[in-house]
Protein backbone atom coordinates (compact mmCIF):
# COMPACT_ATOMS: atom_id res chain seq x y z
CA MET A 1 128.69 111.44 84.19
CA ALA A 2 130.80 108.61 82.89
CA ALA A 3 129.10 105.76 81.10
CA THR A 4 130.03 103.43 83.95
CA ASP A 5 128.29 105.79 86.41
CA PHE A 6 125.04 105.83 84.48
CA ARG A 7 121.92 105.46 86.61
CA ASP A 8 118.51 104.42 85.40
CA TYR A 9 116.45 107.24 86.85
CA TYR A 10 113.18 105.44 86.15
CA ALA A 11 114.39 102.41 88.11
CA THR A 12 115.62 104.69 90.89
CA LEU A 13 112.10 106.12 91.32
CA GLY A 14 110.42 102.76 90.67
CA VAL A 15 108.33 103.99 87.73
CA SER A 16 108.03 102.95 84.10
CA LYS A 17 109.38 104.97 81.18
CA THR A 18 105.79 105.85 80.26
CA ALA A 19 105.02 107.24 83.73
CA SER A 20 103.17 110.54 83.81
CA ALA A 21 104.52 113.64 85.53
CA ASP A 22 102.11 113.04 88.42
CA ASP A 23 103.26 109.43 88.75
CA ILE A 24 106.87 110.61 88.93
CA LYS A 25 106.04 113.27 91.50
CA ARG A 26 104.14 110.79 93.70
CA ALA A 27 106.96 108.25 93.53
CA PHE A 28 109.53 110.88 94.39
CA ARG A 29 107.60 112.22 97.37
CA LYS A 30 107.22 108.74 98.79
CA LEU A 31 110.90 107.85 98.39
CA ALA A 32 112.19 111.26 99.44
CA ARG A 33 110.30 111.09 102.69
CA LYS A 34 111.45 107.50 103.28
CA TYR A 35 115.14 108.30 102.81
CA HIS A 36 115.27 111.92 104.00
CA PRO A 37 118.19 112.50 106.43
CA ASP A 38 115.78 113.87 109.04
CA MET A 39 113.96 110.54 109.02
CA ASN A 40 117.21 108.54 109.07
CA PRO A 41 119.68 110.42 111.27
CA GLY A 42 123.21 109.08 110.87
CA ASP A 43 122.25 106.59 108.14
CA LYS A 44 124.75 107.14 105.33
CA ALA A 45 123.06 104.59 103.06
CA ALA A 46 119.72 106.40 103.37
CA GLU A 47 121.44 109.74 102.73
CA ALA A 48 123.01 108.36 99.55
CA LYS A 49 119.68 106.94 98.42
CA PHE A 50 118.02 110.29 99.10
CA LYS A 51 120.54 112.00 96.82
CA GLU A 52 119.89 109.42 94.10
CA VAL A 53 116.11 109.87 94.11
CA SER A 54 116.55 113.66 94.23
CA GLU A 55 118.85 113.52 91.21
CA ALA A 56 116.41 111.28 89.35
CA TYR A 57 113.49 113.59 90.09
CA GLU A 58 115.54 116.63 89.11
CA VAL A 59 115.87 115.20 85.60
CA LEU A 60 112.59 113.36 85.06
CA SER A 61 110.39 116.19 86.34
CA ASP A 62 111.86 118.57 83.77
CA THR A 63 110.23 118.01 80.37
CA GLU A 64 113.26 119.09 78.34
CA LYS A 65 115.78 117.13 80.40
CA ARG A 66 113.60 114.04 80.43
CA GLN A 67 113.31 114.19 76.65
CA LYS A 68 117.10 114.41 76.31
CA TYR A 69 117.57 111.64 78.87
CA ASP A 70 115.17 109.37 77.01
CA GLN A 71 116.87 110.11 73.71
CA PHE A 72 120.56 110.06 74.63
CA GLY A 73 120.73 107.90 77.79
CA GLN A 74 123.99 108.32 79.68
CA TYR A 75 125.08 111.00 77.20
CA TRP A 76 122.05 113.22 77.84
CA LYS A 77 124.16 115.88 79.60
CA GLN A 78 126.39 116.21 76.57
CA ALA A 79 123.25 116.98 74.58
CA GLY A 80 122.50 119.98 76.78
CA GLY A 81 123.53 121.79 79.96
CA SER A 82 122.83 120.17 83.30
CA TRP A 83 120.61 121.92 85.84
CA SER A 84 122.12 123.44 88.95
CA PRO A 85 119.76 125.58 91.07
CA ASN A 86 121.33 128.80 92.33
CA ALA A 87 119.61 131.48 94.32
CA GLY A 88 117.91 133.96 92.04
CA THR A 89 118.42 132.05 88.81
CA GLY A 90 114.74 131.35 88.25
CA ALA A 91 115.58 127.87 86.88
CA ASP A 92 112.63 125.85 85.62
CA PHE A 93 111.75 122.51 87.24
CA GLY A 94 108.55 121.04 85.85
CA GLY A 95 107.03 124.51 85.46
CA PHE A 96 108.10 125.64 88.95
CA ASP A 97 110.30 128.63 89.73
CA PHE A 98 113.24 127.59 91.92
CA GLY A 99 114.61 131.11 92.12
CA GLN A 100 113.22 131.45 95.69
CA TYR A 101 115.44 128.57 96.91
CA GLY A 102 119.18 128.61 97.53
CA SER A 103 119.52 124.89 96.91
CA PHE A 104 117.59 121.79 95.91
CA ASP A 105 117.64 120.74 99.59
CA GLU A 106 115.67 123.84 100.52
CA PHE A 107 112.97 122.81 98.08
CA ILE A 108 112.98 119.26 99.47
CA ASN A 109 112.69 120.52 103.03
CA GLU A 110 109.65 122.60 102.21
CA LEU A 111 108.09 119.86 100.10
CA LEU A 112 108.48 117.31 102.90
CA GLY A 113 107.33 119.60 105.68
CA ARG A 114 110.66 119.81 107.51
CA PHE A 115 109.78 122.18 110.35
CA GLY A 116 112.43 124.18 112.20
CA GLY A 117 112.69 124.83 115.93
CA PRO A 118 111.93 122.34 118.69
CA GLY A 119 110.03 119.96 116.42
CA GLY A 120 113.12 118.55 114.71
CA ALA A 121 113.80 114.89 114.16
CA SER A 122 115.29 114.57 117.65
CA ASP A 123 112.09 115.81 119.28
CA PRO A 124 110.24 112.73 120.65
CA GLY A 125 106.96 114.65 120.67
CA ARG A 126 107.02 115.27 116.95
CA ARG A 127 104.27 113.57 114.94
CA THR A 128 104.71 111.79 111.61
CA TYR A 129 102.73 113.23 108.74
CA SER A 130 101.94 112.06 105.26
CA TYR A 131 100.74 114.22 102.40
CA ARG A 132 97.36 114.30 100.76
CA THR A 133 96.21 116.59 97.98
CA SER A 134 92.57 117.55 97.96
CA PRO A 135 90.58 120.60 96.89
CA GLY A 136 89.90 121.72 100.44
CA ALA A 137 88.84 125.12 101.58
CA GLY A 138 91.36 127.93 101.80
CA PRO A 139 93.38 128.69 104.93
CA SER A 140 91.29 129.46 107.98
CA SER A 141 91.17 128.64 111.65
CA GLY A 142 88.96 126.40 113.71
CA PHE A 143 88.16 122.73 113.79
CA GLY A 144 85.97 120.75 111.44
CA GLY A 145 83.74 117.84 112.41
CA PHE A 146 84.12 114.22 111.33
CA ASN A 147 84.52 113.67 107.59
CA ASP A 148 84.54 117.43 107.14
CA PHE A 149 85.88 117.67 103.61
CA GLY A 150 84.24 120.97 102.73
CA MET A 151 84.95 121.75 99.07
CA GLY A 152 86.07 125.23 98.19
CA ASP A 153 85.73 127.07 94.90
CA ALA A 154 87.19 124.85 92.18
CA ALA A 155 89.25 127.78 90.94
CA THR A 156 90.83 128.41 94.36
CA ALA A 157 94.48 127.36 94.61
CA THR A 158 95.16 125.04 97.53
CA GLY A 159 98.19 124.14 99.67
CA LEU A 160 99.53 120.76 100.71
CA ASP A 161 97.34 118.89 103.16
CA LEU A 162 98.93 116.82 105.91
CA GLU A 163 97.51 113.62 107.37
CA SER A 164 98.44 111.87 110.60
CA THR A 165 96.96 109.22 112.88
CA LEU A 166 95.76 110.27 116.31
CA PRO A 167 95.71 107.42 118.88
CA LEU A 168 92.94 107.75 121.47
CA SER A 169 91.79 105.59 124.33
CA LEU A 170 88.19 104.41 124.08
CA ALA A 171 87.24 106.76 126.94
CA GLU A 172 88.80 109.76 125.15
CA ALA A 173 87.01 108.89 121.91
CA PHE A 174 83.69 108.37 123.71
CA HIS A 175 83.68 111.52 125.84
CA GLY A 176 85.72 113.78 123.56
CA VAL A 177 89.10 115.22 124.43
CA GLN A 178 91.52 118.06 123.78
CA LYS A 179 94.98 117.15 122.52
CA ARG A 180 98.09 119.29 122.16
CA LEU A 181 99.99 118.56 118.95
CA ASN A 182 103.55 119.62 118.17
CA LEU A 183 103.81 120.73 114.55
CA GLY A 184 107.46 121.58 114.91
CA ASN A 185 107.38 125.34 114.78
CA GLU A 186 104.09 125.64 116.64
CA VAL A 187 101.99 123.77 119.18
CA ILE A 188 98.25 123.64 118.62
CA THR A 189 95.35 122.41 120.73
CA VAL A 190 92.86 120.19 118.92
CA ARG A 191 89.39 119.42 120.21
CA ILE A 192 88.16 115.94 119.32
CA PRO A 193 84.37 115.85 119.74
CA ALA A 194 82.63 113.00 121.53
CA GLY A 195 81.87 109.95 119.43
CA ALA A 196 85.07 109.57 117.41
CA LYS A 197 85.38 106.09 115.90
CA PRO A 198 88.32 104.33 114.25
CA GLY A 199 88.85 105.92 110.86
CA SER A 200 87.04 109.16 111.75
CA ARG A 201 88.77 112.16 110.18
CA VAL A 202 89.04 115.50 111.88
CA ARG A 203 89.99 118.45 109.71
CA ILE A 204 92.09 121.27 111.16
CA LYS A 205 91.84 124.12 108.70
CA GLY A 206 94.95 126.03 107.74
CA LYS A 207 97.39 123.88 109.73
CA GLY A 208 98.87 121.90 106.87
CA GLN A 209 102.01 122.54 104.83
CA VAL A 210 102.67 125.78 102.98
CA SER A 211 102.56 125.15 99.25
CA PRO A 212 105.77 126.19 97.46
CA TYR A 213 103.65 126.96 94.41
CA ASN A 214 101.35 129.62 95.83
CA GLN A 215 102.37 130.07 99.50
CA GLN A 216 98.89 129.02 100.66
CA ARG A 217 98.65 126.64 103.58
CA GLY A 218 96.80 123.36 103.37
CA ASP A 219 94.80 121.59 106.07
CA LEU A 220 95.74 119.02 108.67
CA TYR A 221 93.67 115.82 108.73
CA LEU A 222 93.77 113.68 111.85
CA VAL A 223 92.66 110.06 111.44
CA VAL A 224 91.38 108.65 114.72
CA GLU A 225 92.89 105.36 115.84
CA THR A 226 91.35 103.86 118.99
CA LYS A 227 93.42 101.66 121.24
CA PRO A 228 92.06 98.11 121.76
CA HIS A 229 89.71 97.68 124.71
CA PRO A 230 89.51 94.41 126.65
CA PHE A 231 85.69 94.42 126.75
CA PHE A 232 84.10 96.74 124.16
CA GLN A 233 84.37 96.48 120.38
CA PHE A 234 82.75 98.35 117.49
CA GLU A 235 80.10 97.07 115.11
CA GLY A 236 78.89 99.97 112.98
CA ASP A 237 77.36 102.58 115.26
CA ASN A 238 76.94 99.99 118.01
CA LEU A 239 79.16 98.68 120.76
CA VAL A 240 79.53 94.93 121.06
CA CYS A 241 80.60 92.96 124.11
CA GLU A 242 80.57 89.37 125.27
CA VAL A 243 78.97 88.47 128.59
CA PRO A 244 79.19 85.01 130.19
CA ILE A 245 76.22 83.48 131.99
CA THR A 246 75.85 80.28 134.01
CA PRO A 247 73.90 77.21 132.80
CA ASP A 248 71.14 77.80 135.37
CA GLU A 249 70.77 81.44 134.22
CA ALA A 250 70.46 80.18 130.66
CA VAL A 251 67.76 77.65 131.63
CA LEU A 252 65.80 79.68 134.16
CA GLY A 253 66.51 83.23 133.04
CA GLY A 254 67.20 86.05 135.45
CA SER A 255 68.69 89.49 135.87
CA ILE A 256 72.42 90.20 135.54
CA GLU A 257 74.67 93.29 135.77
CA VAL A 258 76.37 94.37 132.54
CA PRO A 259 79.07 97.05 132.02
CA THR A 260 78.18 99.95 129.72
CA PRO A 261 80.09 103.17 128.93
CA ASP A 262 77.90 104.82 131.60
CA GLY A 263 78.51 102.17 134.25
CA MET A 264 76.79 98.95 135.31
CA VAL A 265 73.15 98.39 134.35
CA SER A 266 70.70 95.54 134.98
CA MET A 267 69.65 93.38 132.05
CA ASN A 268 67.09 90.58 131.95
CA ILE A 269 68.12 87.20 130.57
CA PRO A 270 65.17 85.36 129.04
CA ALA A 271 64.70 81.72 130.05
CA GLY A 272 66.05 79.23 127.53
CA ILE A 273 68.56 81.58 125.89
CA ARG A 274 71.25 79.89 123.80
CA SER A 275 74.95 80.54 123.79
CA GLY A 276 75.83 83.06 121.07
CA GLN A 277 72.48 84.84 121.06
CA THR A 278 72.58 88.64 121.11
CA LEU A 279 70.61 90.93 123.37
CA ARG A 280 70.28 94.68 122.84
CA LEU A 281 70.58 97.55 125.29
CA ARG A 282 69.01 100.43 123.39
CA GLY A 283 70.65 103.82 123.70
CA LYS A 284 73.57 102.48 125.73
CA GLY A 285 76.08 102.26 122.90
CA TRP A 286 78.42 104.72 121.18
CA VAL A 287 77.81 108.44 120.98
CA LYS A 288 76.56 109.54 117.56
CA PRO A 289 78.40 112.63 116.26
CA LYS A 290 75.22 114.59 115.62
CA ASP A 291 72.63 113.31 118.05
CA GLY A 292 71.78 110.43 120.36
CA ARG A 293 73.43 107.11 121.10
CA GLY A 294 73.73 103.82 119.34
CA ASP A 295 72.88 100.51 120.99
CA GLN A 296 75.03 98.13 122.97
CA LEU A 297 74.87 94.54 121.76
CA ILE A 298 75.38 91.79 124.34
CA ARG A 299 76.54 88.43 123.02
CA VAL A 300 75.68 85.80 125.58
CA VAL A 301 78.08 82.93 126.17
CA ILE A 302 77.10 80.07 128.47
CA ALA A 303 80.06 79.36 130.73
CA PRO A 304 79.85 76.05 132.64
CA PRO A 305 81.77 75.94 135.91
CA LYS A 306 85.14 74.16 135.83
CA ASP A 307 85.24 73.33 139.53
CA LEU A 308 82.09 71.98 141.16
CA SER A 309 81.34 71.71 144.83
CA SER A 310 80.02 68.36 146.02
CA ILE A 311 76.44 69.65 146.23
CA GLU A 312 76.65 71.21 142.76
CA ARG A 313 77.90 67.96 141.29
CA GLU A 314 75.12 66.05 143.05
CA TYR A 315 72.43 68.29 141.61
CA TYR A 316 73.91 68.29 138.11
CA GLU A 317 73.97 64.49 138.18
CA LYS A 318 70.30 64.45 139.28
CA ILE A 319 69.45 66.82 136.41
CA ARG A 320 71.24 64.55 133.94
CA ALA A 321 69.49 61.46 135.27
CA ASN A 322 66.05 63.09 135.03
CA ARG A 323 66.52 65.25 131.94
CA SER A 324 63.67 65.01 129.42
CA TYR A 325 65.14 67.35 126.79
CA ASP A 326 67.49 66.05 124.11
CA PRO A 327 68.95 68.86 121.94
CA ARG A 328 70.35 66.30 119.47
CA THR A 329 67.15 64.50 118.47
CA HIS A 330 67.14 66.10 115.03
CA LEU A 331 70.63 64.77 114.31
CA LYS A 332 69.24 61.26 113.87
CA GLN A 333 67.69 62.40 110.58
CA VAL A 334 70.96 63.71 109.14
CA THR A 335 72.29 61.78 106.13
CA LEU A 336 74.61 62.47 103.20
C-alpha cells in the first residue's frame, strides 16, 4: 500500500487505538452488517465501505499484524507478510482457523447470518436479525416462555444468538398466536403464549446462527412489539383506558358500559366523581403469563356537550342560577 493510500484502520472501525479485541469485534460486526452488500443491493458506496471495514478488521483482529501496524503505520506490510486467506491454509485470525473458508467473504457471510435459498435479500418475507452473545443453553428444540434465559453449564460452548422484533396486534398478544417465520433456509412456526407485552422476550432454542468457532447453533430471541391500540394502553400488568362521562353522570352517578378485552361490561359511576379519577375493574385487564388476569383501570373524563338542545340549555341555565356549590372557594385564600 502506498503511503498516499494509507488508511487509519482504527478510524475506519470507529474505535480508539487502545480498544480491546472485543471492542474491535463489536465495532466490526456492527459496521459489517450495516454495509454488507446483501443489506445494500446495488449500492457501490456501501460495498466499498464494507471492504474497508473488512480490511481494517482483518488487520486489527490479528495480534501480530496489529502490533506491526501500530509500530510501522503505513509501512506495516513491509515489516511482515500480508494475510491472504486461501482454502486449506489454516491462517490465523485472532486465534481462529480460517482454513475452512475459501475466502474472507465466506467468513463474513457466516458471521452475519447470510442464509441461502429463498430467504435472500430480495425476499420480502425475510426478517432482520441482530446478534446477541449470551451463555444460553445448548442447541435444542421447542419454545421457551417469556424472559426464558435459562443458563447452561458455564463450561459449555455456545453459538451466536439472534434477536429480532416481532410485531403483534393487541389481540394476538392478548390471546396468543402462532407465527410462521422465514429464517432464509428454513421456515419455522413459533407459538407466542397469551399475555405477551411490549418488550417480552420469547426464546426459540437452537434456531440462532451456527458459530464458526464450534459449529454449535445459538438461540433465536423474539422481542414482542405491540402495535398501538386506539383505546387500550399498558400500565405495568394492568390495562388503562380513558372513558368519557357526561356532567349529569358525574354529579348523579350511574351505570355505564365500558369496553374490556372480553367485551362490554357494566360499571358503576359513583356520584360526585371528578374528571381524571381512576376506577378499577378487577380481573378484567391483561393476561398474566403464569396465572390470572391483571386489572383494567378506567380514567374518567367529564365531557360537556358541545351542542345543546333548547331544553338542555334551559336546564343548565337554571342549574347555574340556583347552584349552591362553588368549587373555587378555597382559591380566595391563595397568596404568594
